[in-house]
Amino acid sequence: MVDERPLARAVAVTGGGISGLDDDAIALWGPATEVVDLGDGVLLPSFGDGHIHPLWGGVELDWAPVRACASVAEVLDVVRRYAAERPHDTWILGGSYSPSLTADGIFDATWLDTAVADRPVLLEASDHHCAWVNSAALRLAGIDERTPDPPSGTIARRADGTPIGTLVEWSAVDLVRRLVPPPTEAQRRAGLLAAARLLAASGVTWLQEAAASVEDLRTYLAVSGELPIRANVALRADPGRWRDDLPRFVAARDEASDGVVSARTVKFFADGIIEAGTAAVLQPYLEPAHSCGLPVWDPAELGEAVAAFDAQGFQAHIHAIGDAGVRVALDAFAHAARVNPPRVRRPVIAHTQLIDHADLRRFADLGVVANFEPLWHCLEPGLRTLVLPRLGARAVLHYATGSILRSGARLSFGSDWPVSSYRPLDGLAVAVTRSYAGGPAWLPEECVTPRDAWRAYTSGVAHQAFEEDRWGRIAVGCRADLVALATDPFGVDPREWPHLPVTGTWLAGRQTYG
């Protein structure tokens, strides 16, 4: 198990719940008992994913597969072949290329033109805050040297003001994305179910859908009877329209009550990402000089919106990357706690990439769950080429999981898939080693212990979900949400964790994989 008691020799499951352990479990064995012998394997609490986009990621599974490409030339080759295989597609879509394939994260439309010139192409970056488009897409969207940058977004330009082909942040990407024919409802449902099956196969039984529309929630509800996983859907609130959305979100939450899909959370974006220079920072970036990023919300309006949704009983879940974004998120939570009656809130800051020293203690003081995507906590190529040149010495509190844990705050882990791997074992290995591909540890003082890492992906996510008394542990009375591994992870080097086979997953005692 992940807590301090030794592994149970036997676990009994009755009616979807854990009804006995060890000798008590064996005593319940009867003629109708179904027995699963794990052999040399081990049974553990299943994983929860505290921040993921399975609907979006599932639809992307049918796009041009550029994620694994190691060069711009390889991306172009994949796009060229994909387009040739789909001569009747009006758009060519792809995901998710690595922004670190160029030194500055900027990609030229004319490069894509060599692969596909007769149809518009839109490739989503792996961070899903930027996109690379070809000239046909720019023309169709009417983007030229006279097009102004949208609020909280940037059109990358040449010296003469003409667009290069890279769109930075959602508002800029939407100038093109709004023209793309949306996936059909059948495609959305198929994508969601495909994603859920991948997650079940990796040992996940609960997820936080991290940014959704009311229409997305309805897709979840339409397939809830087929899902091998439970989901809480965070409805996305945006500046300028959140007041109109508030009653819609309340009504949608009240519809989602089938026990598999819920909608108890509202998602806010405080800022962008450091790789694109759009995360909100307290001191200017080294590159681009004099810039402090692009905050998405006015701080006062964010506080007002968080308090309004909090008053309706919603949990707040804020994407905050830069130290200024994190501070604004903490201020919004503090405002909601001041103006609304006391209650258990468990607000979440997702990603929590850069934290000012003065704000560390505020997580515990405000009861904030610090959600991290641990697979990013290492010297991976994007960190080397796009993050460190912007931050310099200020990166010392970069993904400060150890510092947050020592401050007394609660951690939860997630994947942010399709931004990065959905497999918890991949992220857990990095959380403990802070190492990429066997290289040196990045900020090793921020490593967490194997058991603390495992808790963050199990009972930590259950705490975020307000369900720590129901799952995330192997204990009598908890739901039988379980994962079986071929080898006890606590008996091997954590660097081996990504290679450990998942042999079975159970949701409330029902086997969903294996």
Protein backbone atom coordinates (compact mmCIF):
# COMPACT_ATOMS: atom_id res chain seq x y z
CA MET A 1 0.00 0.00 0.00
CA VAL A 2 0.98 3.62 -0.23
CA ASP A 3 0.41 4.48 3.43
CA GLU A 4 2.67 3.32 6.26
CA ARG A 5 1.08 -0.10 6.89
CA PRO A 6 2.63 -3.12 5.11
CA LEU A 7 1.13 -4.56 1.97
CA ALA A 8 -1.99 -6.61 2.55
CA ARG A 9 -1.69 -10.33 1.77
CA ALA A 10 -5.32 -10.50 0.70
CA VAL A 11 -8.08 -8.02 -0.11
CA ALA A 12 -11.77 -8.90 -0.15
CA VAL A 13 -14.20 -6.96 -2.31
CA THR A 14 -17.94 -7.08 -1.79
CA GLY A 15 -20.46 -4.94 -3.67
CA GLY A 16 -17.76 -2.69 -5.12
CA GLY A 17 -16.15 -1.92 -1.76
CA ILE A 18 -13.25 -3.32 0.25
CA SER A 19 -14.76 -5.56 2.90
CA GLY A 20 -11.72 -7.22 4.45
CA LEU A 21 -7.93 -7.40 4.56
CA ASP A 22 -5.50 -10.22 5.28
CA ASP A 23 -7.02 -12.94 7.54
CA ASP A 24 -10.37 -11.13 7.58
CA ALA A 25 -10.41 -11.22 3.78
CA ILE A 26 -9.49 -14.90 3.66
CA ALA A 27 -12.27 -15.68 6.13
CA LEU A 28 -14.79 -14.25 3.65
CA TRP A 29 -13.74 -16.71 0.95
CA GLY A 30 -16.70 -18.84 -0.13
CA PRO A 31 -17.76 -21.11 -2.98
CA ALA A 32 -18.96 -18.15 -5.09
CA THR A 33 -15.82 -16.07 -4.52
CA GLU A 34 -13.96 -14.96 -7.62
CA VAL A 35 -10.25 -15.20 -6.83
CA VAL A 36 -7.54 -13.17 -8.57
CA ASP A 37 -4.04 -14.48 -7.90
CA LEU A 38 -1.46 -11.79 -8.61
CA GLY A 39 1.46 -14.19 -8.36
CA ASP A 40 4.59 -12.10 -7.85
CA GLY A 41 2.66 -8.89 -8.55
CA VAL A 42 1.31 -6.32 -6.13
CA LEU A 43 -2.08 -4.65 -5.59
CA LEU A 44 -2.15 -0.89 -4.96
CA PRO A 45 -4.73 1.90 -4.86
CA SER A 46 -5.53 2.98 -8.39
CA PHE A 47 -4.40 6.35 -9.66
CA GLY A 48 -6.38 9.54 -10.02
CA ASP A 49 -5.38 12.19 -12.55
CA GLY A 50 -5.81 15.64 -11.05
CA HIS A 51 -5.54 17.57 -14.34
CA ILE A 52 -6.10 16.07 -17.81
CA HIS A 53 -7.96 16.71 -21.09
CA PRO A 54 -9.22 13.30 -22.27
CA LEU A 55 -11.94 14.53 -24.64
CA TRP A 56 -9.54 16.87 -26.41
CA GLY A 57 -6.72 14.29 -26.30
CA GLY A 58 -8.98 11.53 -27.56
CA VAL A 59 -10.08 13.52 -30.60
CA GLU A 60 -6.42 14.37 -31.25
CA LEU A 61 -5.61 10.65 -31.54
CA ASP A 62 -6.99 10.85 -35.10
CA TRP A 63 -4.80 13.82 -36.12
CA ALA A 64 -1.40 13.78 -37.81
CA PRO A 65 0.85 12.14 -35.19
CA VAL A 66 3.70 14.65 -34.86
CA ARG A 67 4.31 14.28 -31.10
CA ALA A 68 7.25 11.89 -31.46
CA CYS A 69 8.96 13.91 -34.19
CA ALA A 70 12.54 14.87 -33.32
CA SER A 71 13.04 17.57 -35.96
CA VAL A 72 11.14 20.05 -38.10
CA ALA A 73 11.96 17.93 -41.14
CA GLU A 74 10.37 14.90 -39.48
CA VAL A 75 7.22 16.89 -38.68
CA LEU A 76 6.94 17.97 -42.30
CA ASP A 77 7.38 14.39 -43.50
CA VAL A 78 4.63 13.12 -41.17
CA VAL A 79 2.25 15.91 -42.22
CA ARG A 80 2.98 15.28 -45.90
CA ARG A 81 2.20 11.56 -45.63
CA TYR A 82 -0.88 12.15 -43.47
CA ALA A 83 -2.30 14.66 -45.99
CA ALA A 84 -1.64 12.29 -48.87
CA GLU A 85 -3.62 9.57 -47.07
CA ARG A 86 -6.57 11.96 -46.60
CA PRO A 87 -7.05 13.70 -49.95
CA HIS A 88 -10.65 14.68 -49.17
CA ASP A 89 -10.02 16.34 -45.79
CA THR A 90 -10.56 20.08 -46.10
CA TRP A 91 -8.18 20.77 -43.18
CA ILE A 92 -5.03 18.97 -42.04
CA LEU A 93 -4.76 18.91 -38.25
CA GLY A 94 -1.89 17.64 -36.13
CA GLY A 95 -0.81 17.31 -32.53
CA SER A 96 1.39 17.77 -30.63
CA TYR A 97 4.72 19.03 -32.00
CA SER A 98 7.46 20.02 -29.54
CA PRO A 99 8.10 23.80 -29.36
CA SER A 100 11.73 22.98 -28.53
CA LEU A 101 12.36 21.84 -32.12
CA THR A 102 13.41 25.44 -32.81
CA ALA A 103 15.60 27.63 -30.62
CA ASP A 104 12.83 30.16 -29.96
CA GLY A 105 9.66 28.09 -30.35
CA ILE A 106 8.73 29.96 -33.54
CA PHE A 107 7.80 28.01 -36.68
CA ASP A 108 7.43 29.35 -40.23
CA ALA A 109 4.32 28.88 -42.37
CA THR A 110 6.47 28.50 -45.48
CA TRP A 111 8.02 25.35 -43.98
CA LEU A 112 4.57 23.79 -43.72
CA ASP A 113 3.80 24.94 -47.25
CA THR A 114 6.45 22.52 -48.54
CA ALA A 115 4.42 19.67 -47.03
CA VAL A 116 0.87 20.90 -47.79
CA ALA A 117 0.15 24.04 -49.79
CA ASP A 118 -3.30 23.37 -51.24
CA ARG A 119 -5.18 23.05 -47.93
CA PRO A 120 -5.00 24.87 -44.59
CA VAL A 121 -2.87 23.17 -41.92
CA LEU A 122 -3.14 23.71 -38.16
CA LEU A 123 -0.69 21.94 -35.86
CA GLU A 124 -1.16 22.26 -32.09
CA ALA A 125 2.02 22.58 -30.03
CA SER A 126 2.48 20.04 -27.25
CA ASP A 127 1.86 22.82 -24.69
CA HIS A 128 -1.49 23.53 -26.43
CA HIS A 129 -0.97 27.25 -25.96
CA CYS A 130 0.59 27.76 -29.40
CA ALA A 131 -0.03 26.59 -32.94
CA TRP A 132 1.85 26.40 -36.22
CA VAL A 133 -0.14 27.10 -39.39
CA ASN A 134 0.63 27.21 -43.09
CA SER A 135 0.08 30.09 -45.50
CA ALA A 136 -3.30 28.77 -46.65
CA ALA A 137 -4.57 28.88 -43.05
CA LEU A 138 -3.28 32.44 -42.60
CA ARG A 139 -5.00 33.55 -45.79
CA LEU A 140 -8.27 31.85 -44.91
CA ALA A 141 -8.27 33.54 -41.48
CA GLY A 142 -7.39 36.91 -43.02
CA ILE A 143 -4.28 37.25 -40.85
CA ASP A 144 -1.76 39.67 -42.34
CA GLU A 145 0.46 42.56 -41.29
CA ARG A 146 -2.61 44.69 -40.50
CA THR A 147 -4.18 42.16 -38.13
CA PRO A 148 -3.84 43.32 -34.51
CA ASP A 149 -2.78 40.93 -31.77
CA PRO A 150 -5.87 39.64 -29.93
CA PRO A 151 -6.24 40.18 -26.17
CA SER A 152 -3.87 37.88 -24.23
CA GLY A 153 -2.39 36.52 -27.45
CA THR A 154 0.33 37.19 -30.00
CA ILE A 155 0.79 36.71 -33.74
CA ALA A 156 4.49 36.02 -34.26
CA ARG A 157 5.74 38.42 -36.95
CA ARG A 158 8.68 39.14 -39.19
CA ALA A 159 10.48 42.48 -39.04
CA ASP A 160 8.07 43.92 -41.63
CA GLY A 161 5.04 42.92 -39.54
CA THR A 162 3.89 40.02 -41.70
CA PRO A 163 2.84 36.89 -39.79
CA ILE A 164 5.43 34.13 -39.59
CA GLY A 165 3.06 31.23 -38.98
CA THR A 166 3.14 30.78 -35.19
CA LEU A 167 0.17 31.83 -33.05
CA VAL A 168 0.79 32.27 -29.34
CA GLU A 169 -1.94 31.65 -26.73
CA TRP A 170 -5.53 30.56 -27.21
CA SER A 171 -6.96 33.88 -28.35
CA ALA A 172 -4.46 33.99 -31.22
CA VAL A 173 -4.84 30.30 -32.11
CA ASP A 174 -8.62 30.79 -32.17
CA LEU A 175 -8.26 33.21 -35.09
CA VAL A 176 -7.64 30.06 -37.14
CA ARG A 177 -9.17 27.33 -34.97
CA ARG A 178 -12.65 28.89 -35.21
CA LEU A 179 -12.62 28.13 -38.95
CA VAL A 180 -11.83 24.43 -38.51
CA PRO A 181 -14.89 22.19 -38.92
CA PRO A 182 -15.58 20.85 -35.42
CA PRO A 183 -15.47 17.10 -34.82
CA THR A 184 -18.82 15.39 -35.04
CA GLU A 185 -20.49 14.21 -31.87
CA ALA A 186 -19.72 10.64 -32.91
CA GLN A 187 -16.03 11.54 -33.23
CA ARG A 188 -16.06 13.26 -29.85
CA ARG A 189 -17.65 10.27 -28.13
CA ALA A 190 -15.30 7.82 -29.83
CA GLY A 191 -12.29 9.94 -28.88
CA LEU A 192 -13.37 10.22 -25.25
CA LEU A 193 -13.94 6.48 -24.94
CA ALA A 194 -10.58 5.72 -26.59
CA ALA A 195 -8.84 8.05 -24.14
CA ALA A 196 -10.65 6.51 -21.18
CA ARG A 197 -9.54 3.04 -22.23
CA LEU A 198 -5.91 4.21 -22.43
CA LEU A 199 -6.19 5.65 -18.92
CA ALA A 200 -7.76 2.48 -17.52
CA ALA A 201 -4.90 0.49 -19.02
CA SER A 202 -2.46 2.71 -17.13
CA GLY A 203 -4.22 2.18 -13.78
CA VAL A 204 -6.34 5.36 -13.62
CA THR A 205 -9.91 5.20 -12.30
CA TRP A 206 -10.73 8.91 -11.65
CA LEU A 207 -9.89 12.06 -13.56
CA GLN A 208 -10.31 15.80 -13.41
CA GLU A 209 -11.27 17.01 -16.89
CA ALA A 210 -9.43 20.30 -16.70
CA ALA A 211 -11.25 22.62 -19.13
CA ALA A 212 -14.58 21.93 -20.75
CA SER A 213 -17.67 23.55 -22.17
CA VAL A 214 -21.23 22.64 -21.28
CA GLU A 215 -21.36 20.81 -24.62
CA ASP A 216 -18.28 18.80 -23.62
CA LEU A 217 -20.00 17.83 -20.38
CA ARG A 218 -22.96 16.53 -22.35
CA THR A 219 -20.60 14.33 -24.37
CA TYR A 220 -19.30 12.87 -21.12
CA LEU A 221 -22.83 12.24 -19.90
CA ALA A 222 -23.82 10.62 -23.21
CA VAL A 223 -21.15 7.91 -22.80
CA SER A 224 -21.07 7.66 -19.01
CA GLY A 225 -22.49 4.14 -19.11
CA GLU A 226 -19.52 3.01 -21.20
CA LEU A 227 -16.74 4.82 -19.34
CA PRO A 228 -14.20 2.61 -17.51
CA ILE A 229 -13.40 5.58 -15.31
CA ARG A 230 -15.13 8.29 -13.26
CA ALA A 231 -14.75 11.93 -14.23
CA ASN A 232 -15.26 15.34 -12.69
CA VAL A 233 -15.61 17.93 -15.44
CA ALA A 234 -14.30 21.48 -14.85
CA LEU A 235 -16.33 24.00 -16.81
CA ARG A 236 -14.14 26.80 -18.17
CA ALA A 237 -14.90 30.40 -17.15
CA ASP A 238 -13.53 33.26 -19.24
CA PRO A 239 -13.26 37.02 -18.67
CA GLY A 240 -16.14 39.06 -19.98
CA ARG A 241 -18.68 36.25 -20.21
CA TRP A 242 -18.49 34.42 -16.88
CA ARG A 243 -21.50 36.26 -15.44
CA ASP A 244 -23.69 34.89 -18.25
CA ASP A 245 -22.15 31.44 -17.85
CA LEU A 246 -22.69 31.19 -14.10
CA PRO A 247 -26.38 30.13 -14.22
CA ARG A 248 -25.63 27.79 -17.16
CA PHE A 249 -22.85 26.14 -15.16
CA VAL A 250 -25.10 25.70 -12.13
CA ALA A 251 -27.78 24.06 -14.28
CA ALA A 252 -25.20 21.84 -16.00
CA ARG A 253 -23.74 20.74 -12.67
CA ASP A 254 -27.18 19.78 -11.43
CA GLU A 255 -27.70 17.63 -14.56
CA ALA A 256 -24.47 15.72 -13.97
CA SER A 257 -25.52 13.46 -11.15
CA ASP A 258 -25.26 9.91 -12.51
CA GLY A 259 -22.46 8.82 -10.16
CA VAL A 260 -19.91 8.45 -12.97
CA VAL A 261 -19.69 12.02 -14.29
CA SER A 262 -19.87 15.14 -12.13
CA ALA A 263 -19.28 18.86 -12.77
CA ARG A 264 -18.38 20.33 -9.39
CA THR A 265 -15.43 22.47 -10.55
CA VAL A 266 -14.85 25.66 -12.53
CA LYS A 267 -11.58 26.23 -14.41
CA PHE A 268 -9.84 29.60 -14.78
CA PHE A 269 -6.66 30.50 -16.67
CA ALA A 270 -4.61 33.06 -14.76
CA ASP A 271 -1.86 33.24 -17.39
CA GLY A 272 -0.08 31.43 -20.20
CA ILE A 273 3.18 29.48 -20.27
CA ILE A 274 6.84 30.34 -19.70
CA GLU A 275 7.94 28.60 -22.92
CA ALA A 276 6.02 31.21 -24.93
CA GLY A 277 6.79 34.12 -22.60
CA THR A 278 3.08 34.44 -21.72
CA ALA A 279 3.09 33.22 -18.10
CA ALA A 280 2.63 36.20 -15.77
CA VAL A 281 5.83 36.86 -13.81
CA LEU A 282 6.69 39.35 -11.07
CA GLN A 283 9.99 40.40 -12.64
CA PRO A 284 10.51 40.80 -16.40
CA TYR A 285 11.74 37.89 -18.48
CA LEU A 286 15.31 37.92 -19.72
CA GLU A 287 13.79 37.06 -23.11
CA PRO A 288 11.74 38.86 -24.33
CA ALA A 289 13.25 41.72 -22.34
CA HIS A 290 10.94 44.02 -20.38
CA SER A 291 7.98 41.62 -20.70
CA CYS A 292 6.13 40.23 -17.67
CA GLY A 293 3.92 37.93 -19.72
CA LEU A 294 0.24 38.03 -20.58
CA PRO A 295 -2.18 37.70 -17.65
CA VAL A 296 -5.56 36.42 -18.80
CA TRP A 297 -7.71 38.11 -16.14
CA ASP A 298 -7.70 41.44 -14.42
CA PRO A 299 -6.88 40.46 -10.81
CA ALA A 300 -9.97 42.14 -9.37
CA GLU A 301 -12.28 40.49 -11.90
CA LEU A 302 -10.71 37.09 -11.27
CA GLY A 303 -11.31 37.50 -7.54
CA GLU A 304 -14.92 38.52 -8.19
CA ALA A 305 -15.51 35.56 -10.52
CA VAL A 306 -13.92 32.99 -8.18
CA ALA A 307 -16.01 34.33 -5.30
CA ALA A 308 -19.21 34.19 -7.37
CA PHE A 309 -18.70 30.56 -8.39
CA ASP A 310 -17.54 29.70 -4.86
CA ALA A 311 -20.79 31.12 -3.51
CA GLN A 312 -22.62 28.58 -5.68
CA GLY A 313 -20.60 25.72 -4.18
CA PHE A 314 -18.13 25.20 -7.02
CA GLN A 315 -14.49 24.28 -6.47
CA ALA A 316 -12.08 26.67 -8.21
CA HIS A 317 -9.28 25.21 -10.35
CA ILE A 318 -6.83 27.83 -11.66
CA HIS A 319 -4.09 27.35 -14.23
CA ALA A 320 -1.22 29.46 -12.89
CA ILE A 321 2.33 29.08 -14.21
CA GLY A 322 4.27 32.27 -13.46
CA ASP A 323 4.89 33.60 -9.95
CA ALA A 324 2.59 36.57 -10.65
CA GLY A 325 -0.10 34.21 -11.92
CA VAL A 326 0.25 32.06 -8.81
CA ARG A 327 -0.02 35.13 -6.56
CA VAL A 328 -3.13 36.38 -8.36
CA ALA A 329 -4.71 32.92 -7.97
CA LEU A 330 -3.92 32.84 -4.25
CA ASP A 331 -5.34 36.35 -3.87
CA ALA A 332 -8.55 35.25 -5.60
CA PHE A 333 -8.94 32.29 -3.24
CA ALA A 334 -8.30 34.54 -0.24
CA HIS A 335 -10.94 36.98 -1.51
CA ALA A 336 -13.53 34.21 -1.89
CA ALA A 337 -12.82 32.99 1.64
CA ARG A 338 -13.27 36.54 3.01
CA VAL A 339 -16.55 37.38 1.31
CA ASN A 340 -18.30 33.98 1.46
CA PRO A 341 -19.32 31.88 4.47
CA PRO A 342 -16.80 29.37 5.81
CA ARG A 343 -16.72 25.93 4.18
CA VAL A 344 -14.22 23.32 2.97
CA ARG A 345 -13.15 24.66 -0.43
CA ARG A 346 -9.96 22.87 -1.54
CA PRO A 347 -9.19 25.27 -4.37
CA VAL A 348 -6.58 24.04 -6.83
CA ILE A 349 -3.66 25.76 -8.51
CA ALA A 350 -2.65 23.66 -11.50
CA HIS A 351 0.96 23.42 -12.70
CA THR A 352 2.35 25.84 -10.07
CA GLN A 353 5.55 26.19 -12.06
CA LEU A 354 7.15 29.27 -10.50
CA ILE A 355 6.43 30.36 -6.93
CA ASP A 356 7.76 33.40 -5.12
CA HIS A 357 9.24 32.58 -1.69
CA ALA A 358 6.71 34.91 -0.04
CA ASP A 359 3.81 32.82 -1.34
CA LEU A 360 4.94 29.34 -0.29
CA ARG A 361 3.17 29.35 3.07
CA ARG A 362 -0.06 30.67 1.59
CA PHE A 363 -0.89 27.29 0.01
CA ALA A 364 -1.23 25.61 3.39
CA ASP A 365 -2.79 28.67 5.04
CA LEU A 366 -5.55 28.85 2.41
CA GLY A 367 -6.02 25.08 2.06
CA VAL A 368 -4.94 25.20 -1.58
CA VAL A 369 -4.14 21.94 -3.36
CA ALA A 370 -0.94 22.34 -5.41
CA ASN A 371 -1.46 20.26 -8.54
CA PHE A 372 1.72 19.35 -10.40
CA GLU A 373 2.44 17.48 -13.60
CA PRO A 374 5.62 15.72 -12.43
CA LEU A 375 6.78 14.55 -15.84
CA TRP A 376 7.88 18.16 -16.50
CA HIS A 377 10.11 18.42 -13.40
CA CYS A 378 13.42 17.70 -15.12
CA LEU A 379 15.94 19.10 -17.58
CA GLU A 380 13.91 18.11 -20.63
CA PRO A 381 14.59 19.87 -23.96
CA GLY A 382 11.86 22.51 -23.56
CA LEU A 383 13.24 23.55 -20.17
CA ARG A 384 16.74 23.89 -21.56
CA THR A 385 15.88 25.81 -24.71
CA LEU A 386 12.79 27.84 -23.84
CA VAL A 387 12.40 28.17 -20.04
CA LEU A 388 15.85 28.70 -18.54
CA PRO A 389 16.85 31.39 -21.07
CA ARG A 390 13.77 33.35 -20.01
CA LEU A 391 14.11 32.87 -16.24
CA GLY A 392 17.83 32.66 -15.48
CA ALA A 393 18.57 32.40 -11.76
CA ARG A 394 14.87 32.78 -10.85
CA ALA A 395 14.29 29.14 -11.74
CA VAL A 396 15.33 28.05 -8.22
CA LEU A 397 11.68 27.64 -7.22
CA HIS A 398 10.77 25.91 -10.45
CA TYR A 399 8.22 23.14 -9.76
CA ALA A 400 8.94 23.30 -6.04
CA THR A 401 7.20 20.06 -5.06
CA GLY A 402 9.52 19.40 -2.12
CA SER A 403 9.19 22.94 -0.78
CA ILE A 404 5.40 22.89 -1.11
CA LEU A 405 5.20 19.55 0.69
CA ARG A 406 7.47 20.74 3.51
CA SER A 407 5.30 23.85 3.90
CA GLY A 408 2.40 21.63 4.96
CA ALA A 409 0.34 22.03 1.77
CA ARG A 410 -1.35 19.14 -0.02
CA LEU A 411 -0.06 17.85 -3.36
CA SER A 412 -1.91 16.19 -6.19
CA PHE A 413 -0.43 14.93 -9.43
CA GLY A 414 -1.77 14.85 -12.96
CA SER A 415 -0.60 14.44 -16.53
CA ASP A 416 -2.19 17.32 -18.49
CA TRP A 417 -2.44 14.83 -21.36
CA PRO A 418 -2.31 15.36 -24.33
CA VAL A 419 0.39 17.85 -23.32
CA SER A 420 2.44 14.93 -21.94
CA SER A 421 2.18 11.21 -21.22
CA TYR A 422 -1.04 10.06 -19.54
CA ARG A 423 0.78 7.19 -17.77
CA PRO A 424 1.21 7.93 -14.04
CA LEU A 425 4.25 5.65 -13.80
CA ASP A 426 6.11 7.95 -16.22
CA GLY A 427 5.47 11.03 -14.08
CA LEU A 428 6.10 9.27 -10.78
CA ALA A 429 9.62 8.32 -11.85
CA VAL A 430 10.45 11.97 -12.56
CA ALA A 431 8.88 13.23 -9.33
CA VAL A 432 11.33 11.09 -7.35
CA THR A 433 14.44 11.54 -9.52
CA ARG A 434 13.92 14.97 -11.18
CA SER A 435 15.86 13.40 -14.04
CA TYR A 436 15.27 13.23 -17.80
CA ALA A 437 16.48 10.21 -19.78
CA GLY A 438 19.02 9.28 -17.11
CA GLY A 439 20.57 12.76 -17.00
CA PRO A 440 21.39 14.87 -13.94
CA ALA A 441 18.69 15.71 -11.41
CA TRP A 442 17.14 19.15 -11.83
CA LEU A 443 16.91 20.92 -8.43
CA PRO A 444 17.33 17.63 -6.50
CA GLU A 445 16.31 19.34 -3.25
CA GLU A 446 12.79 19.42 -4.72
CA CYS A 447 12.62 15.63 -5.14
CA VAL A 448 9.91 13.89 -3.13
CA THR A 449 10.11 10.44 -1.61
CA PRO A 450 8.65 7.46 -3.47
CA ARG A 451 5.77 7.18 -1.02
CA ASP A 452 5.01 10.92 -1.09
CA ALA A 453 5.01 10.81 -4.88
CA TRP A 454 2.66 7.81 -4.91
CA ARG A 455 0.33 9.49 -2.43
CA ALA A 456 0.14 12.58 -4.66
CA TYR A 457 -1.14 10.41 -7.54
CA THR A 458 -3.60 8.47 -5.33
CA SER A 459 -4.83 9.84 -1.99
CA GLY A 460 -3.68 13.37 -2.94
CA VAL A 461 -5.98 13.39 -5.96
CA ALA A 462 -8.73 11.84 -3.82
CA HIS A 463 -8.30 14.75 -1.39
CA GLN A 464 -8.59 17.19 -4.31
CA ALA A 465 -11.79 15.37 -5.31
CA PHE A 466 -13.28 15.61 -1.76
CA GLU A 467 -13.32 11.80 -1.74
CA GLU A 468 -10.32 10.82 0.41
CA ASP A 469 -12.59 8.69 2.61
CA ARG A 470 -13.83 6.73 -0.44
CA TRP A 471 -10.75 5.90 -2.57
CA GLY A 472 -7.02 6.41 -2.86
CA ARG A 473 -6.29 3.84 -0.11
CA ILE A 474 -6.67 0.13 0.42
CA ALA A 475 -8.78 0.13 3.56
CA VAL A 476 -12.01 -1.48 4.68
CA GLY A 477 -14.91 0.75 3.71
CA CYS A 478 -13.12 2.33 0.72
CA ARG A 479 -14.26 1.71 -2.82
CA ALA A 480 -12.33 -1.08 -4.56
CA ASP A 481 -10.54 1.21 -7.03
CA LEU A 482 -7.35 -0.79 -7.51
CA VAL A 483 -4.38 -1.36 -9.80
CA ALA A 484 -2.18 -4.42 -10.06
CA LEU A 485 1.46 -4.15 -11.11
CA ALA A 486 3.70 -7.02 -12.13
CA THR A 487 6.35 -5.87 -9.61
CA ASP A 488 6.29 -4.05 -6.29
CA PRO A 489 7.46 -0.53 -7.25
CA PHE A 490 8.90 0.10 -3.79
CA GLY A 491 11.32 -2.76 -4.27
CA VAL A 492 12.96 -1.43 -7.45
CA ASP A 493 14.80 1.72 -8.57
CA PRO A 494 12.20 4.44 -9.37
CA ARG A 495 13.86 4.88 -12.74
CA GLU A 496 12.38 1.46 -13.58
CA TRP A 497 8.81 2.52 -12.82
CA PRO A 498 7.87 3.52 -16.40
CA HIS A 499 8.69 -0.03 -17.47
CA LEU A 500 6.55 -1.83 -14.86
CA PRO A 501 3.57 -3.54 -16.53
CA VAL A 502 0.08 -2.72 -15.31
CA THR A 503 -1.63 -6.13 -15.17
CA GLY A 504 -5.09 -5.10 -14.01
CA THR A 505 -7.31 -2.14 -13.09
CA TRP A 506 -10.57 -2.28 -11.10
CA LEU A 507 -13.20 0.43 -10.69
CA ALA A 508 -15.42 -0.29 -7.69
CA GLY A 509 -14.44 -3.94 -8.01
CA ARG A 510 -15.24 -4.14 -11.72
CA GLN A 511 -12.22 -5.01 -13.84
CA THR A 512 -11.71 -2.32 -16.48
CA TYR A 513 -8.36 -3.53 -17.77
CA GLY A 514 -6.35 -6.76 -17.73
